[in-house]
Amino acid sequence: MITLQAVSVEDIPILFEHQDDPVVRSSGNIPIRERADFFAHWGRLLASDSILKRGIWSDGQLIGSIACFERNGLHEIGYAISRQHWGKGIASEALRLFLLLTTDRPLSARVTKYNYPSLRVLQKNGFLITGEDLFVASDGRKLAEYVLTLS
């Protein structure tokens, strides 16, 4: 069973471990942060009332996070799930549940063009491809990405 819960300071080390996975680091357009930067970033997220953020829990275990934040005047969704839970429908269900929590519309999301599973998660939840962009990864790689919108 998938549930969404508020993220606490105690959850940050687990979330760091998820994003510190080498496969996760190379798979998408999520900014990769070293430990100190990651903890500082999540400290800012937790302190902000303007960012809706939740931990994604499965069977009593924290397995990821999802958030809605403002970037460049748009409300944007971002999520991350630990690699061992990929391909199980968890991201789709977590996003479905999260969309019930926010009335912000339109919502945008970004996904690298080769990340077909994440693209499918967004499309199953009503997001449509509305553009393309380029993301520069922390290692300097330039990644083509889709911009999706939920009206």
C-alpha atoms as a PDB file:
ATOM      1  CA  MET A   1       0.000   0.000   0.000  1.00  0.00           C
ATOM      2  CA  ILE A   2       1.333   3.409  -1.018  1.00  0.00           C
ATOM      3  CA  THR A   3       0.849   6.378   1.288  1.00  0.00           C
ATOM      4  CA  LEU A   4       2.099   9.952   1.300  1.00  0.00           C
ATOM      5  CA  GLN A   5       3.276  11.469   4.570  1.00  0.00           C
ATOM      6  CA  ALA A   6       4.910  14.689   5.662  1.00  0.00           C
ATOM      7  CA  VAL A   7       8.701  14.598   5.403  1.00  0.00           C
ATOM      8  CA  SER A   8      10.644  15.053   8.642  1.00  0.00           C
ATOM      9  CA  VAL A   9      14.263  15.872   9.377  1.00  0.00           C
ATOM     10  CA  GLU A  10      14.763  12.221  10.319  1.00  0.00           C
ATOM     11  CA  ASP A  11      13.812  11.203   6.747  1.00  0.00           C
ATOM     12  CA  ILE A  12      16.552  13.228   5.053  1.00  0.00           C
ATOM     13  CA  PRO A  13      19.359  10.625   5.425  1.00  0.00           C
ATOM     14  CA  ILE A  14      17.164   7.980   3.777  1.00  0.00           C
ATOM     15  CA  LEU A  15      16.242  10.315   0.919  1.00  0.00           C
ATOM     16  CA  PHE A  16      19.930  11.120   0.469  1.00  0.00           C
ATOM     17  CA  GLU A  17      20.755   7.421   0.142  1.00  0.00           C
ATOM     18  CA  HIS A  18      18.110   7.094  -2.589  1.00  0.00           C
ATOM     19  CA  GLN A  19      19.559   9.915  -4.701  1.00  0.00           C
ATOM     20  CA  ASP A  20      23.154   8.864  -4.009  1.00  0.00           C
ATOM     21  CA  ASP A  21      22.654   5.610  -5.952  1.00  0.00           C
ATOM     22  CA  PRO A  22      24.979   5.739  -9.012  1.00  0.00           C
ATOM     23  CA  VAL A  23      22.219   4.532 -11.359  1.00  0.00           C
ATOM     24  CA  VAL A  24      19.829   7.195 -10.069  1.00  0.00           C
ATOM     25  CA  ARG A  25      22.553   9.833 -10.428  1.00  0.00           C
ATOM     26  CA  SER A  26      22.970   9.014 -14.110  1.00  0.00           C
ATOM     27  CA  SER A  27      19.347   8.414 -15.027  1.00  0.00           C
ATOM     28  CA  GLY A  28      17.640  11.733 -15.141  1.00  0.00           C
ATOM     29  CA  ASN A  29      17.290  15.431 -14.680  1.00  0.00           C
ATOM     30  CA  ILE A  30      17.185  15.502 -10.891  1.00  0.00           C
ATOM     31  CA  PRO A  31      19.881  17.797  -9.500  1.00  0.00           C
ATOM     32  CA  ILE A  32      22.412  15.583  -7.738  1.00  0.00           C
ATOM     33  CA  ARG A  33      23.747  17.084  -4.543  1.00  0.00           C
ATOM     34  CA  GLU A  34      26.562  16.049  -2.280  1.00  0.00           C
ATOM     35  CA  ARG A  35      25.555  15.179   1.287  1.00  0.00           C
ATOM     36  CA  ALA A  36      25.928  18.636   2.887  1.00  0.00           C
ATOM     37  CA  ASP A  37      24.159  20.367  -0.019  1.00  0.00           C
ATOM     38  CA  PHE A  38      21.392  17.743  -0.021  1.00  0.00           C
ATOM     39  CA  PHE A  39      20.738  18.200   3.708  1.00  0.00           C
ATOM     40  CA  ALA A  40      20.767  22.005   3.348  1.00  0.00           C
ATOM     41  CA  HIS A  41      18.400  21.795   0.365  1.00  0.00           C
ATOM     42  CA  TRP A  42      15.936  19.611   2.283  1.00  0.00           C
ATOM     43  CA  GLY A  43      16.250  21.896   5.287  1.00  0.00           C
ATOM     44  CA  ARG A  44      15.066  24.765   3.078  1.00  0.00           C
ATOM     45  CA  LEU A  45      12.250  22.611   1.669  1.00  0.00           C
ATOM     46  CA  LEU A  46      11.049  21.659   5.140  1.00  0.00           C
ATOM     47  CA  ALA A  47      11.143  25.295   6.262  1.00  0.00           C
ATOM     48  CA  SER A  48       9.062  26.464   3.305  1.00  0.00           C
ATOM     49  CA  ASP A  49       5.287  26.612   3.554  1.00  0.00           C
ATOM     50  CA  SER A  50       5.033  27.402  -0.170  1.00  0.00           C
ATOM     51  CA  ILE A  51       6.377  23.993  -1.249  1.00  0.00           C
ATOM     52  CA  LEU A  52       4.092  20.995  -0.960  1.00  0.00           C
ATOM     53  CA  LYS A  53       6.281  17.972  -0.228  1.00  0.00           C
ATOM     54  CA  ARG A  54       5.562  14.428   0.866  1.00  0.00           C
ATOM     55  CA  GLY A  55       7.452  11.260   1.520  1.00  0.00           C
ATOM     56  CA  ILE A  56       6.369   8.234  -0.464  1.00  0.00           C
ATOM     57  CA  TRP A  57       5.883   5.222   1.795  1.00  0.00           C
ATOM     58  CA  SER A  58       5.332   1.591   0.873  1.00  0.00           C
ATOM     59  CA  ASP A  59       4.590  -1.012   3.531  1.00  0.00           C
ATOM     60  CA  GLY A  60       5.950   1.225   6.298  1.00  0.00           C
ATOM     61  CA  GLN A  61       9.183   2.073   4.465  1.00  0.00           C
ATOM     62  CA  LEU A  62      10.175   5.496   3.091  1.00  0.00           C
ATOM     63  CA  ILE A  63      10.995   4.875  -0.558  1.00  0.00           C
ATOM     64  CA  GLY A  64      10.913   8.323  -2.137  1.00  0.00           C
ATOM     65  CA  SER A  65       9.612  11.859  -2.201  1.00  0.00           C
ATOM     66  CA  ILE A  66       7.366  14.055  -4.294  1.00  0.00           C
ATOM     67  CA  ALA A  67       6.983  17.827  -4.302  1.00  0.00           C
ATOM     68  CA  CYS A  68       5.259  20.729  -5.994  1.00  0.00           C
ATOM     69  CA  PHE A  69       7.278  23.925  -6.191  1.00  0.00           C
ATOM     70  CA  GLU A  70       7.404  27.123  -8.187  1.00  0.00           C
ATOM     71  CA  ARG A  71      10.062  27.562 -10.862  1.00  0.00           C
ATOM     72  CA  ASN A  72      10.096  30.378 -13.393  1.00  0.00           C
ATOM     73  CA  GLY A  73       6.527  31.307 -12.473  1.00  0.00           C
ATOM     74  CA  LEU A  74       5.177  27.790 -13.027  1.00  0.00           C
ATOM     75  CA  HIS A  75       4.020  25.173 -10.543  1.00  0.00           C
ATOM     76  CA  GLU A  76       6.198  22.144 -11.159  1.00  0.00           C
ATOM     77  CA  ILE A  77       6.066  18.557  -9.918  1.00  0.00           C
ATOM     78  CA  GLY A  78       9.137  16.490  -9.145  1.00  0.00           C
ATOM     79  CA  TYR A  79       9.493  13.043  -7.657  1.00  0.00           C
ATOM     80  CA  ALA A  80      12.129  10.438  -6.941  1.00  0.00           C
ATOM     81  CA  ILE A  81      11.835   6.813  -5.857  1.00  0.00           C
ATOM     82  CA  SER A  82      14.576   4.460  -4.731  1.00  0.00           C
ATOM     83  CA  ARG A  83      15.764   2.264  -7.582  1.00  0.00           C
ATOM     84  CA  GLN A  84      14.735  -1.049  -6.021  1.00  0.00           C
ATOM     85  CA  HIS A  85      11.112   0.139  -6.229  1.00  0.00           C
ATOM     86  CA  TRP A  86      11.145   1.127  -9.901  1.00  0.00           C
ATOM     87  CA  GLY A  87       8.766  -0.651 -12.264  1.00  0.00           C
ATOM     88  CA  LYS A  88       6.149  -1.565  -9.665  1.00  0.00           C
ATOM     89  CA  GLY A  89       3.561   1.153 -10.341  1.00  0.00           C
ATOM     90  CA  ILE A  90       4.540   3.026  -7.177  1.00  0.00           C
ATOM     91  CA  ALA A  91       5.436   6.297  -8.896  1.00  0.00           C
ATOM     92  CA  SER A  92       2.141   6.312 -10.799  1.00  0.00           C
ATOM     93  CA  GLU A  93       0.141   5.725  -7.630  1.00  0.00           C
ATOM     94  CA  ALA A  94       2.153   8.254  -5.618  1.00  0.00           C
ATOM     95  CA  LEU A  95       1.620  10.916  -8.279  1.00  0.00           C
ATOM     96  CA  ARG A  96      -2.106  10.111  -8.449  1.00  0.00           C
ATOM     97  CA  LEU A  97      -2.386  10.549  -4.671  1.00  0.00           C
ATOM     98  CA  PHE A  98      -0.297  13.724  -4.720  1.00  0.00           C
ATOM     99  CA  LEU A  99      -2.457  15.324  -7.405  1.00  0.00           C
ATOM    100  CA  LEU A 100      -5.395  15.014  -5.004  1.00  0.00           C
ATOM    101  CA  LEU A 101      -3.493  17.199  -2.507  1.00  0.00           C
ATOM    102  CA  THR A 102      -2.805  20.154  -4.772  1.00  0.00           C
ATOM    103  CA  THR A 103      -5.282  22.277  -6.680  1.00  0.00           C
ATOM    104  CA  ASP A 104      -2.511  24.179  -8.479  1.00  0.00           C
ATOM    105  CA  ARG A 105      -3.092  24.051 -12.214  1.00  0.00           C
ATOM    106  CA  PRO A 106      -1.560  24.092 -14.629  1.00  0.00           C
ATOM    107  CA  LEU A 107       1.227  21.875 -13.325  1.00  0.00           C
ATOM    108  CA  SER A 108       4.372  21.198 -15.254  1.00  0.00           C
ATOM    109  CA  ALA A 109       6.923  18.408 -15.094  1.00  0.00           C
ATOM    110  CA  ARG A 110      10.170  17.648 -16.869  1.00  0.00           C
ATOM    111  CA  VAL A 111      11.591  14.287 -17.849  1.00  0.00           C
ATOM    112  CA  THR A 112      14.625  13.306 -19.896  1.00  0.00           C
ATOM    113  CA  LYS A 113      13.574  11.994 -23.293  1.00  0.00           C
ATOM    114  CA  TYR A 114      15.065   8.547 -22.662  1.00  0.00           C
ATOM    115  CA  ASN A 115      13.341   8.102 -19.289  1.00  0.00           C
ATOM    116  CA  TYR A 116      10.327   6.329 -20.777  1.00  0.00           C
ATOM    117  CA  PRO A 117       9.074   4.897 -17.463  1.00  0.00           C
ATOM    118  CA  SER A 118       8.838   8.346 -15.878  1.00  0.00           C
ATOM    119  CA  LEU A 119       7.306   9.782 -19.025  1.00  0.00           C
ATOM    120  CA  ARG A 120       4.659   7.045 -18.826  1.00  0.00           C
ATOM    121  CA  VAL A 121       3.997   7.811 -15.128  1.00  0.00           C
ATOM    122  CA  LEU A 122       3.239  11.415 -16.011  1.00  0.00           C
ATOM    123  CA  GLN A 123       1.115  10.567 -19.038  1.00  0.00           C
ATOM    124  CA  LYS A 124      -0.941   8.012 -17.070  1.00  0.00           C
ATOM    125  CA  ASN A 125      -1.778  10.851 -14.692  1.00  0.00           C
ATOM    126  CA  GLY A 126      -2.975  13.210 -17.426  1.00  0.00           C
ATOM    127  CA  PHE A 127       0.194  15.172 -18.247  1.00  0.00           C
ATOM    128  CA  LEU A 128       0.713  15.979 -21.930  1.00  0.00           C
ATOM    129  CA  ILE A 129       3.965  16.796 -23.701  1.00  0.00           C
ATOM    130  CA  THR A 130       3.870  20.532 -24.380  1.00  0.00           C
ATOM    131  CA  GLY A 131       7.490  21.295 -25.196  1.00  0.00           C
ATOM    132  CA  GLU A 132      11.130  20.362 -25.151  1.00  0.00           C
ATOM    133  CA  ASP A 133      14.122  21.781 -23.328  1.00  0.00           C
ATOM    134  CA  LEU A 134      17.729  21.029 -22.454  1.00  0.00           C
ATOM    135  CA  PHE A 135      18.893  20.159 -18.946  1.00  0.00           C
ATOM    136  CA  VAL A 136      22.550  20.482 -17.991  1.00  0.00           C
ATOM    137  CA  ALA A 137      23.377  17.754 -15.471  1.00  0.00           C
ATOM    138  CA  SER A 138      25.738  18.304 -12.556  1.00  0.00           C
ATOM    139  CA  ASP A 139      28.468  16.452 -14.478  1.00  0.00           C
ATOM    140  CA  GLY A 140      28.065  18.780 -17.459  1.00  0.00           C
ATOM    141  CA  ARG A 141      26.086  16.409 -19.675  1.00  0.00           C
ATOM    142  CA  LYS A 142      23.372  18.066 -21.738  1.00  0.00           C
ATOM    143  CA  LEU A 143      20.169  16.050 -21.583  1.00  0.00           C
ATOM    144  CA  ALA A 144      17.222  16.575 -23.902  1.00  0.00           C
ATOM    145  CA  GLU A 145      13.996  16.629 -21.935  1.00  0.00           C
ATOM    146  CA  TYR A 146      10.271  16.843 -22.460  1.00  0.00           C
ATOM    147  CA  VAL A 147       8.208  19.483 -20.710  1.00  0.00           C
ATOM    148  CA  LEU A 148       4.779  18.174 -19.760  1.00  0.00           C
ATOM    149  CA  THR A 149       1.699  20.018 -18.532  1.00  0.00           C
ATOM    150  CA  LEU A 150      -1.409  19.035 -16.601  1.00  0.00           C
ATOM    151  CA  SER A 151      -4.173  21.597 -17.131  1.00  0.00           C
END
